[in-house]
């Protein structure tokens, strides 16, 4: 019985050491996530904001191109109408 008690005490000691190391690692990671240069959340948010700005600029460019294409098609259709009317 003394052997099982000493083994249990040794296992409890190892578990306590492992929990202490785990708590230390958790505190370090938590501090890093709040820190300036290592703040992954701020970096991700900034990257997403940049992506959004680029997407909005691209959408404006596409809207401009669509408006130009529509105007060109309108002019072409009018030209075709004029030609067809002149041929009648």
PDB file of N, CA and C in Angstrom:
ATOM      1  N   UNK A   1       0.805  -1.171   0.000  1.00  0.00           N
ATOM      2  CA  UNK A   1       0.000   0.000   0.000  1.00  0.00           C
ATOM      3  C   UNK A   1       0.856   1.246   0.000  1.00  0.00           C
ATOM      4  N   UNK A   2       2.000   1.205   0.654  1.00  0.00           N
ATOM      5  CA  UNK A   2       2.905   2.347   0.695  1.00  0.00           C
ATOM      6  C   UNK A   2       3.437   2.649  -0.688  1.00  0.00           C
ATOM      7  N   UNK A   3       3.669   1.590  -1.486  1.00  0.00           N
ATOM      8  CA  UNK A   3       4.152   1.789  -2.854  1.00  0.00           C
ATOM      9  C   UNK A   3       3.107   2.501  -3.709  1.00  0.00           C
ATOM     10  N   UNK A   4       1.858   2.102  -3.560  1.00  0.00           N
ATOM     11  CA  UNK A   4       0.817   2.725  -4.371  1.00  0.00           C
ATOM     12  C   UNK A   4       0.605   4.174  -3.947  1.00  0.00           C
ATOM     13  N   UNK A   5       0.793   4.475  -2.667  1.00  0.00           N
ATOM     14  CA  UNK A   5       0.668   5.857  -2.192  1.00  0.00           C
ATOM     15  C   UNK A   5       1.799   6.701  -2.726  1.00  0.00           C
ATOM     16  N   UNK A   6       3.027   6.185  -2.738  1.00  0.00           N
ATOM     17  CA  UNK A   6       4.157   6.948  -3.253  1.00  0.00           C
ATOM     18  C   UNK A   6       4.038   7.127  -4.777  1.00  0.00           C
ATOM     19  N   UNK A   7       3.529   6.101  -5.482  1.00  0.00           N
ATOM     20  CA  UNK A   7       3.319   6.230  -6.919  1.00  0.00           C
ATOM     21  C   UNK A   7       2.244   7.280  -7.207  1.00  0.00           C
ATOM     22  N   UNK A   8       1.202   7.287  -6.406  1.00  0.00           N
ATOM     23  CA  UNK A   8       0.136   8.266  -6.571  1.00  0.00           C
ATOM     24  C   UNK A   8       0.657   9.666  -6.280  1.00  0.00           C
ATOM     25  N   UNK A   9       1.475   9.814  -5.261  1.00  0.00           N
ATOM     26  CA  UNK A   9       2.072  11.115  -4.949  1.00  0.00           C
ATOM     27  C   UNK A   9       2.984  11.585  -6.082  1.00  0.00           C
ATOM     28  N   UNK A  10       3.748  10.685  -6.656  1.00  0.00           N
ATOM     29  CA  UNK A  10       4.642  11.023  -7.771  1.00  0.00           C
ATOM     30  C   UNK A  10       3.822  11.434  -8.994  1.00  0.00           C
ATOM     31  N   UNK A  11       2.763  10.701  -9.295  1.00  0.00           N
ATOM     32  CA  UNK A  11       1.908  11.043 -10.428  1.00  0.00           C
ATOM     33  C   UNK A  11       1.239  12.398 -10.202  1.00  0.00           C
ATOM     34  N   UNK A  12       0.806  12.656  -8.988  1.00  0.00           N
ATOM     35  CA  UNK A  12       0.179  13.943  -8.669  1.00  0.00           C
ATOM     36  C   UNK A  12       1.187  15.072  -8.838  1.00  0.00           C
ATOM     37  N   UNK A  13       2.432  14.824  -8.469  1.00  0.00           N
ATOM     38  CA  UNK A  13       3.481  15.826  -8.638  1.00  0.00           C
ATOM     39  C   UNK A  13       3.742  16.117 -10.112  1.00  0.00           C
ATOM     40  N   UNK A  14       3.803  15.061 -10.927  1.00  0.00           N
ATOM     41  CA  UNK A  14       3.995  15.252 -12.367  1.00  0.00           C
ATOM     42  C   UNK A  14       2.815  15.996 -12.983  1.00  0.00           C
ATOM     43  N   UNK A  15       1.615  15.658 -12.553  1.00  0.00           N
ATOM     44  CA  UNK A  15       0.422  16.345 -13.054  1.00  0.00           C
ATOM     45  C   UNK A  15       0.451  17.817 -12.670  1.00  0.00           C
ATOM     46  N   UNK A  16       0.860  18.100 -11.455  1.00  0.00           N
ATOM     47  CA  UNK A  16       0.960  19.487 -11.001  1.00  0.00           C
ATOM     48  C   UNK A  16       1.988  20.263 -11.825  1.00  0.00           C
ATOM     49  N   UNK A  17       3.120  19.642 -12.122  1.00  0.00           N
ATOM     50  CA  UNK A  17       4.141  20.297 -12.954  1.00  0.00           C
ATOM     51  C   UNK A  17       3.627  20.548 -14.369  1.00  0.00           C
ATOM     52  N   UNK A  18       2.924  19.576 -14.922  1.00  0.00           N
ATOM     53  CA  UNK A  18       2.389  19.726 -16.272  1.00  0.00           C
ATOM     54  C   UNK A  18       1.339  20.848 -16.313  1.00  0.00           C
ATOM     55  N   UNK A  19       0.492  20.906 -15.292  1.00  0.00           N
ATOM     56  CA  UNK A  19      -0.521  21.971 -15.244  1.00  0.00           C
ATOM     57  C   UNK A  19       0.122  23.345 -15.078  1.00  0.00           C
ATOM     58  N   UNK A  20       1.164  23.421 -14.299  1.00  0.00           N
ATOM     59  CA  UNK A  20       1.873  24.686 -14.125  1.00  0.00           C
ATOM     60  C   UNK A  20       2.492  25.138 -15.447  1.00  0.00           C
ATOM     61  N   UNK A  21       3.109  24.205 -16.165  1.00  0.00           N
ATOM     62  CA  UNK A  21       3.699  24.541 -17.466  1.00  0.00           C
ATOM     63  C   UNK A  21       2.613  24.959 -18.458  1.00  0.00           C
ATOM     64  N   UNK A  22       1.495  24.260 -18.449  1.00  0.00           N
ATOM     65  CA  UNK A  22       0.388  24.590 -19.340  1.00  0.00           C
ATOM     66  C   UNK A  22      -0.177  25.973 -19.024  1.00  0.00           C
ATOM     67  N   UNK A  23      -0.352  26.288 -17.759  1.00  0.00           N
ATOM     68  CA  UNK A  23      -0.841  27.610 -17.374  1.00  0.00           C
ATOM     69  C   UNK A  23       0.123  28.711 -17.811  1.00  0.00           C
ATOM     70  N   UNK A  24       1.422  28.457 -17.669  1.00  0.00           N
ATOM     71  CA  UNK A  24       2.420  29.433 -18.112  1.00  0.00           C
ATOM     72  C   UNK A  24       2.353  29.665 -19.605  1.00  0.00           C
ATOM     73  N   UNK A  25       2.210  28.596 -20.364  1.00  0.00           N
ATOM     74  CA  UNK A  25       2.108  28.718 -21.827  1.00  0.00           C
ATOM     75  C   UNK A  25       0.836  29.460 -22.221  1.00  0.00           C
ATOM     76  N   UNK A  26      -0.254  29.163 -21.533  1.00  0.00           N
ATOM     77  CA  UNK A  26      -1.514  29.838 -21.811  1.00  0.00           C
ATOM     78  C   UNK A  26      -1.389  31.336 -21.535  1.00  0.00           C
ATOM     79  N   UNK A  27      -0.774  31.699 -20.415  1.00  0.00           N
ATOM     80  CA  UNK A  27      -0.586  33.129 -20.096  1.00  0.00           C
ATOM     81  C   UNK A  27       0.274  33.815 -21.155  1.00  0.00           C
ATOM     82  N   UNK A  28       1.315  33.136 -21.620  1.00  0.00           N
ATOM     83  CA  UNK A  28       2.196  33.711 -22.636  1.00  0.00           C
ATOM     84  C   UNK A  28       1.445  33.922 -23.953  1.00  0.00           C
ATOM     85  N   UNK A  29       0.658  32.944 -24.368  1.00  0.00           N
ATOM     86  CA  UNK A  29      -0.113  33.086 -25.601  1.00  0.00           C
ATOM     87  C   UNK A  29      -1.173  34.179 -25.480  1.00  0.00           C
ATOM     88  N   UNK A  30      -1.780  34.267 -24.322  1.00  0.00           N
ATOM     89  CA  UNK A  30      -2.790  35.301 -24.090  1.00  0.00           C
ATOM     90  C   UNK A  30      -2.161  36.686 -24.145  1.00  0.00           C
ATOM     91  N   UNK A  31      -0.998  36.833 -23.546  1.00  0.00           N
ATOM     92  CA  UNK A  31      -0.292  38.117 -23.589  1.00  0.00           C
ATOM     93  C   UNK A  31       0.137  38.459 -25.006  1.00  0.00           C
ATOM     94  N   UNK A  32       0.568  37.473 -25.752  1.00  0.00           N
ATOM     95  CA  UNK A  32       0.991  37.690 -27.139  1.00  0.00           C
ATOM     96  C   UNK A  32      -0.195  38.138 -27.988  1.00  0.00           C
ATOM     97  N   UNK A  33      -1.362  37.564 -27.764  1.00  0.00           N
ATOM     98  CA  UNK A  33      -2.530  37.929 -28.569  1.00  0.00           C
ATOM     99  C   UNK A  33      -2.982  39.348 -28.264  1.00  0.00           C
ATOM    100  N   UNK A  34      -2.642  39.865 -27.098  1.00  0.00           N
ATOM    101  CA  UNK A  34      -2.990  41.246 -26.737  1.00  0.00           C
ATOM    102  C   UNK A  34      -1.899  42.229 -27.113  1.00  0.00           C
ATOM    103  N   UNK A  35      -0.692  41.736 -27.364  1.00  0.00           N
ATOM    104  CA  UNK A  35       0.459  42.602 -27.584  1.00  0.00           C
ATOM    105  C   UNK A  35       0.406  43.360 -28.888  1.00  0.00           C
ATOM    106  N   UNK A  36       1.273  44.363 -29.039  1.00  0.00           N
ATOM    107  CA  UNK A  36       1.281  45.229 -30.215  1.00  0.00           C
ATOM    108  C   UNK A  36       1.663  44.527 -31.488  1.00  0.00           C
ATOM    109  N   UNK A  37       2.911  44.160 -31.647  1.00  0.00           N
ATOM    110  CA  UNK A  37       3.404  43.591 -32.901  1.00  0.00           C
ATOM    111  C   UNK A  37       2.854  42.201 -33.151  1.00  0.00           C
ATOM    112  N   UNK A  38       2.590  41.464 -32.103  1.00  0.00           N
ATOM    113  CA  UNK A  38       2.125  40.101 -32.275  1.00  0.00           C
ATOM    114  C   UNK A  38       0.618  39.978 -32.303  1.00  0.00           C
ATOM    115  N   UNK A  39      -0.083  41.076 -32.355  1.00  0.00           N
ATOM    116  CA  UNK A  39      -1.533  41.013 -32.283  1.00  0.00           C
ATOM    117  C   UNK A  39      -2.119  40.513 -33.599  1.00  0.00           C
ATOM    118  N   UNK A  40      -2.443  39.253 -33.615  1.00  0.00           N
ATOM    119  CA  UNK A  40      -2.940  38.616 -34.832  1.00  0.00           C
ATOM    120  C   UNK A  40      -4.300  39.160 -35.231  1.00  0.00           C
ATOM    121  N   UNK A  41      -5.105  39.531 -34.252  1.00  0.00           N
ATOM    122  CA  UNK A  41      -6.443  40.033 -34.567  1.00  0.00           C
ATOM    123  C   UNK A  41      -6.366  41.357 -35.305  1.00  0.00           C
ATOM    124  N   UNK A  42      -5.517  42.263 -34.861  1.00  0.00           N
ATOM    125  CA  UNK A  42      -5.371  43.554 -35.537  1.00  0.00           C
ATOM    126  C   UNK A  42      -4.796  43.382 -36.936  1.00  0.00           C
ATOM    127  N   UNK A  43      -3.843  42.477 -37.073  1.00  0.00           N
ATOM    128  CA  UNK A  43      -3.252  42.229 -38.391  1.00  0.00           C
ATOM    129  C   UNK A  43      -4.299  41.669 -39.349  1.00  0.00           C
ATOM    130  N   UNK A  44      -5.101  40.743 -38.863  1.00  0.00           N
ATOM    131  CA  UNK A  44      -6.134  40.151 -39.699  1.00  0.00           C
ATOM    132  C   UNK A  44      -7.180  41.192 -40.068  1.00  0.00           C
ATOM    133  N   UNK A  45      -7.566  42.025 -39.106  1.00  0.00           N
ATOM    134  CA  UNK A  45      -8.557  43.068 -39.374  1.00  0.00           C
ATOM    135  C   UNK A  45      -8.025  44.057 -40.400  1.00  0.00           C
ATOM    136  N   UNK A  46      -6.768  44.436 -40.303  1.00  0.00           N
ATOM    137  CA  UNK A  46      -6.162  45.370 -41.259  1.00  0.00           C
ATOM    138  C   UNK A  46      -6.105  44.753 -42.652  1.00  0.00           C
ATOM    139  N   UNK A  47      -5.773  43.479 -42.722  1.00  0.00           N
ATOM    140  CA  UNK A  47      -5.720  42.787 -44.017  1.00  0.00           C
ATOM    141  C   UNK A  47      -7.105  42.731 -44.643  1.00  0.00           C
ATOM    142  N   UNK A  48      -8.110  42.430 -43.836  1.00  0.00           N
ATOM    143  CA  UNK A  48      -9.475  42.376 -44.355  1.00  0.00           C
ATOM    144  C   UNK A  48      -9.948  43.744 -44.822  1.00  0.00           C
ATOM    145  N   UNK A  49      -9.577  44.797 -44.096  1.00  0.00           N
ATOM    146  CA  UNK A  49      -9.948  46.154 -44.507  1.00  0.00           C
ATOM    147  C   UNK A  49      -9.297  46.504 -45.843  1.00  0.00           C
ATOM    148  N   UNK A  50      -8.042  46.124 -46.013  1.00  0.00           N
ATOM    149  CA  UNK A  50      -7.354  46.357 -47.296  1.00  0.00           C
ATOM    150  C   UNK A  50      -8.038  45.587 -48.426  1.00  0.00           C
ATOM    151  N   UNK A  51      -8.395  44.334 -48.154  1.00  0.00           N
ATOM    152  CA  UNK A  51      -9.085  43.528 -49.163  1.00  0.00           C
ATOM    153  C   UNK A  51     -10.418  44.164 -49.545  1.00  0.00           C
ATOM    154  N   UNK A  52     -11.127  44.672 -48.555  1.00  0.00           N
ATOM    155  CA  UNK A  52     -12.416  45.315 -48.816  1.00  0.00           C
ATOM    156  C   UNK A  52     -12.239  46.578 -49.653  1.00  0.00           C
ATOM    157  N   UNK A  53     -11.242  47.375 -49.326  1.00  0.00           N
ATOM    158  CA  UNK A  53     -10.969  48.584 -50.114  1.00  0.00           C
ATOM    159  C   UNK A  53     -10.658  48.241 -51.568  1.00  0.00           C
ATOM    160  N   UNK A  54      -9.844  47.220 -51.780  1.00  0.00           N
ATOM    161  CA  UNK A  54      -9.519  46.803 -53.146  1.00  0.00           C
ATOM    162  C   UNK A  54     -10.760  46.284 -53.876  1.00  0.00           C
ATOM    163  N   UNK A  55     -11.599  45.534 -53.164  1.00  0.00           N
ATOM    164  CA  UNK A  55     -12.814  45.003 -53.788  1.00  0.00           C
ATOM    165  C   UNK A  55     -13.767  46.132 -54.161  1.00  0.00           C
ATOM    166  N   UNK A  56     -13.878  47.132 -53.302  1.00  0.00           N
ATOM    167  CA  UNK A  56     -14.742  48.271 -53.619  1.00  0.00           C
ATOM    168  C   UNK A  56     -14.210  49.047 -54.815  1.00  0.00           C
ATOM    169  N   UNK A  57     -12.908  49.243 -54.877  1.00  0.00           N
ATOM    170  CA  UNK A  57     -12.314  49.944 -56.020  1.00  0.00           C
ATOM    171  C   UNK A  57     -12.545  49.136 -57.300  1.00  0.00           C
ATOM    172  N   UNK A  58     -12.403  47.837 -57.228  1.00  0.00           N
ATOM    173  CA  UNK A  58     -12.636  46.974 -58.388  1.00  0.00           C
ATOM    174  C   UNK A  58     -14.099  47.049 -58.815  1.00  0.00           C
ATOM    175  N   UNK A  59     -15.012  47.080 -57.853  1.00  0.00           N
ATOM    176  CA  UNK A  59     -16.440  47.182 -58.172  1.00  0.00           C
ATOM    177  C   UNK A  59     -16.736  48.499 -58.884  1.00  0.00           C
ATOM    178  N   UNK A  60     -16.120  49.589 -58.418  1.00  0.00           N
ATOM    179  CA  UNK A  60     -16.304  50.884 -59.093  1.00  0.00           C
ATOM    180  C   UNK A  60     -15.770  50.831 -60.519  1.00  0.00           C
ATOM    181  N   UNK A  61     -14.599  50.224 -60.697  1.00  0.00           N
ATOM    182  CA  UNK A  61     -14.035  50.090 -62.045  1.00  0.00           C
ATOM    183  C   UNK A  61     -14.965  49.282 -62.952  1.00  0.00           C
ATOM    184  N   UNK A  62     -15.523  48.196 -62.419  1.00  0.00           N
ATOM    185  CA  UNK A  62     -16.432  47.370 -63.208  1.00  0.00           C
ATOM    186  C   UNK A  62     -17.719  48.124 -63.539  1.00  0.00           C
ATOM    187  N   UNK A  63     -18.221  48.915 -62.587  1.00  0.00           N
ATOM    188  CA  UNK A  63     -19.414  49.716 -62.851  1.00  0.00           C
ATOM    189  C   UNK A  63     -19.136  50.741 -63.949  1.00  0.00           C
ATOM    190  N   UNK A  64     -17.984  51.371 -63.903  1.00  0.00           N
ATOM    191  CA  UNK A  64     -17.613  52.335 -64.950  1.00  0.00           C
ATOM    192  C   UNK A  64     -17.507  51.649 -66.309  1.00  0.00           C
ATOM    193  N   UNK A  65     -16.871  50.487 -66.338  1.00  0.00           N
ATOM    194  CA  UNK A  65     -16.723  49.757 -67.595  1.00  0.00           C
ATOM    195  C   UNK A  65     -18.089  49.321 -68.129  1.00  0.00           C
ATOM    196  N   UNK A  66     -18.980  48.908 -67.234  1.00  0.00           N
ATOM    197  CA  UNK A  66     -20.321  48.500 -67.662  1.00  0.00           C
ATOM    198  C   UNK A  66     -21.086  49.690 -68.234  1.00  0.00           C
ATOM    199  N   UNK A  67     -20.944  50.857 -67.603  1.00  0.00           N
ATOM    200  CA  UNK A  67     -21.628  52.056 -68.108  1.00  0.00           C
ATOM    201  C   UNK A  67     -21.093  52.438 -69.484  1.00  0.00           C
ATOM    202  N   UNK A  68     -19.778  52.361 -69.656  1.00  0.00           N
ATOM    203  CA  UNK A  68     -19.182  52.661 -70.962  1.00  0.00           C
ATOM    204  C   UNK A  68     -19.642  51.674 -72.024  1.00  0.00           C
ATOM    205  N   UNK A  69     -19.679  50.393 -71.673  1.00  0.00           N
ATOM    206  CA  UNK A  69     -20.123  49.375 -72.627  1.00  0.00           C
ATOM    207  C   UNK A  69     -21.594  49.588 -72.996  1.00  0.00           C
ATOM    208  N   UNK A  70     -22.405  49.936 -72.011  1.00  0.00           N
ATOM    209  CA  UNK A  70     -23.822  50.182 -72.274  1.00  0.00           C
ATOM    210  C   UNK A  70     -24.007  51.376 -73.206  1.00  0.00           C
ATOM    211  N   UNK A  71     -23.257  52.436 -72.954  1.00  0.00           N
ATOM    212  CA  UNK A  71     -23.336  53.614 -73.820  1.00  0.00           C
ATOM    213  C   UNK A  71     -22.887  53.272 -75.242  1.00  0.00           C
ATOM    214  N   UNK A  72     -21.826  52.491 -75.368  1.00  0.00           N
ATOM    215  CA  UNK A  72     -21.332  52.095 -76.698  1.00  0.00           C
ATOM    216  C   UNK A  72     -22.361  51.237 -77.421  1.00  0.00           C
ATOM    217  N   UNK A  73     -23.001  50.329 -76.693  1.00  0.00           N
ATOM    218  CA  UNK A  73     -24.040  49.506 -77.312  1.00  0.00           C
ATOM    219  C   UNK A  73     -25.228  50.363 -77.745  1.00  0.00           C
ATOM    220  N   UNK A  74     -25.570  51.355 -76.928  1.00  0.00           N
ATOM    221  CA  UNK A  74     -26.657  52.263 -77.298  1.00  0.00           C
ATOM    222  C   UNK A  74     -26.337  53.026 -78.571  1.00  0.00           C
ATOM    223  N   UNK A  75     -25.098  53.509 -78.673  1.00  0.00           N
ATOM    224  CA  UNK A  75     -24.681  54.230 -79.886  1.00  0.00           C
ATOM    225  C   UNK A  75     -24.691  53.305 -81.098  1.00  0.00           C
ATOM    226  N   UNK A  76     -24.223  52.078 -80.921  1.00  0.00           N
ATOM    227  CA  UNK A  76     -24.199  51.118 -82.024  1.00  0.00           C
ATOM    228  C   UNK A  76     -25.619  50.782 -82.472  1.00  0.00           C
ATOM    229  N   UNK A  77     -26.515  50.584 -81.523  1.00  0.00           N
ATOM    230  CA  UNK A  77     -27.905  50.277 -81.876  1.00  0.00           C
ATOM    231  C   UNK A  77     -28.533  51.436 -82.628  1.00  0.00           C
ATOM    232  N   UNK A  78     -28.273  52.654 -82.201  1.00  0.00           N
ATOM    233  CA  UNK A  78     -28.799  53.829 -82.894  1.00  0.00           C
ATOM    234  C   UNK A  78     -28.238  53.923 -84.303  1.00  0.00           C
ATOM    235  N   UNK A  79     -26.982  53.635 -84.465  1.00  0.00           N
ATOM    236  CA  UNK A  79     -26.343  53.649 -85.777  1.00  0.00           C
ATOM    237  C   UNK A  79     -26.995  52.618 -86.701  1.00  0.00           C
ATOM    238  N   UNK A  80     -27.244  51.406 -86.178  1.00  0.00           N
ATOM    239  CA  UNK A  80     -27.893  50.355 -86.966  1.00  0.00           C
ATOM    240  C   UNK A  80     -29.292  50.810 -87.361  1.00  0.00           C
ATOM    241  N   UNK A  81     -30.033  51.424 -86.437  1.00  0.00           N
ATOM    242  CA  UNK A  81     -31.374  51.922 -86.758  1.00  0.00           C
ATOM    243  C   UNK A  81     -31.321  52.956 -87.888  1.00  0.00           C
ATOM    244  N   UNK A  82     -30.338  53.856 -87.807  1.00  0.00           N
ATOM    245  CA  UNK A  82     -30.204  54.880 -88.845  1.00  0.00           C
ATOM    246  C   UNK A  82     -29.922  54.251 -90.214  1.00  0.00           C
ATOM    247  N   UNK A  83     -29.059  53.253 -90.223  1.00  0.00           N
ATOM    248  CA  UNK A  83     -28.724  52.579 -91.479  1.00  0.00           C
ATOM    249  C   UNK A  83     -29.959  51.869 -92.040  1.00  0.00           C
ATOM    250  N   UNK A  84     -30.673  51.160 -91.163  1.00  0.00           N
ATOM    251  CA  UNK A  84     -31.861  50.433 -91.618  1.00  0.00           C
ATOM    252  C   UNK A  84     -32.948  51.397 -92.121  1.00  0.00           C
ATOM    253  N   UNK A  85     -33.096  52.508 -91.452  1.00  0.00           N
ATOM    254  CA  UNK A  85     -34.085  53.504 -91.871  1.00  0.00           C
ATOM    255  C   UNK A  85     -33.697  54.110 -93.214  1.00  0.00           C
ATOM    256  N   UNK A  86     -32.416  54.373 -93.414  1.00  0.00           N
ATOM    257  CA  UNK A  86     -31.941  54.965 -94.659  1.00  0.00           C
ATOM    258  C   UNK A  86     -32.116  53.997 -95.828  1.00  0.00           C
ATOM    259  N   UNK A  87     -32.020  52.714 -95.599  1.00  0.00           N
ATOM    260  CA  UNK A  87     -32.143  51.717 -96.654  1.00  0.00           C
ATOM    261  C   UNK A  87     -33.579  51.505 -97.069  1.00  0.00           C
ATOM    262  N   UNK A  88     -34.543  51.895 -96.274  1.00  0.00           N
ATOM    263  CA  UNK A  88     -35.952  51.657 -96.594  1.00  0.00           C
ATOM    264  C   UNK A  88     -36.366  52.621 -97.586  1.00  0.00           C
TER     265      UNK A  88
END
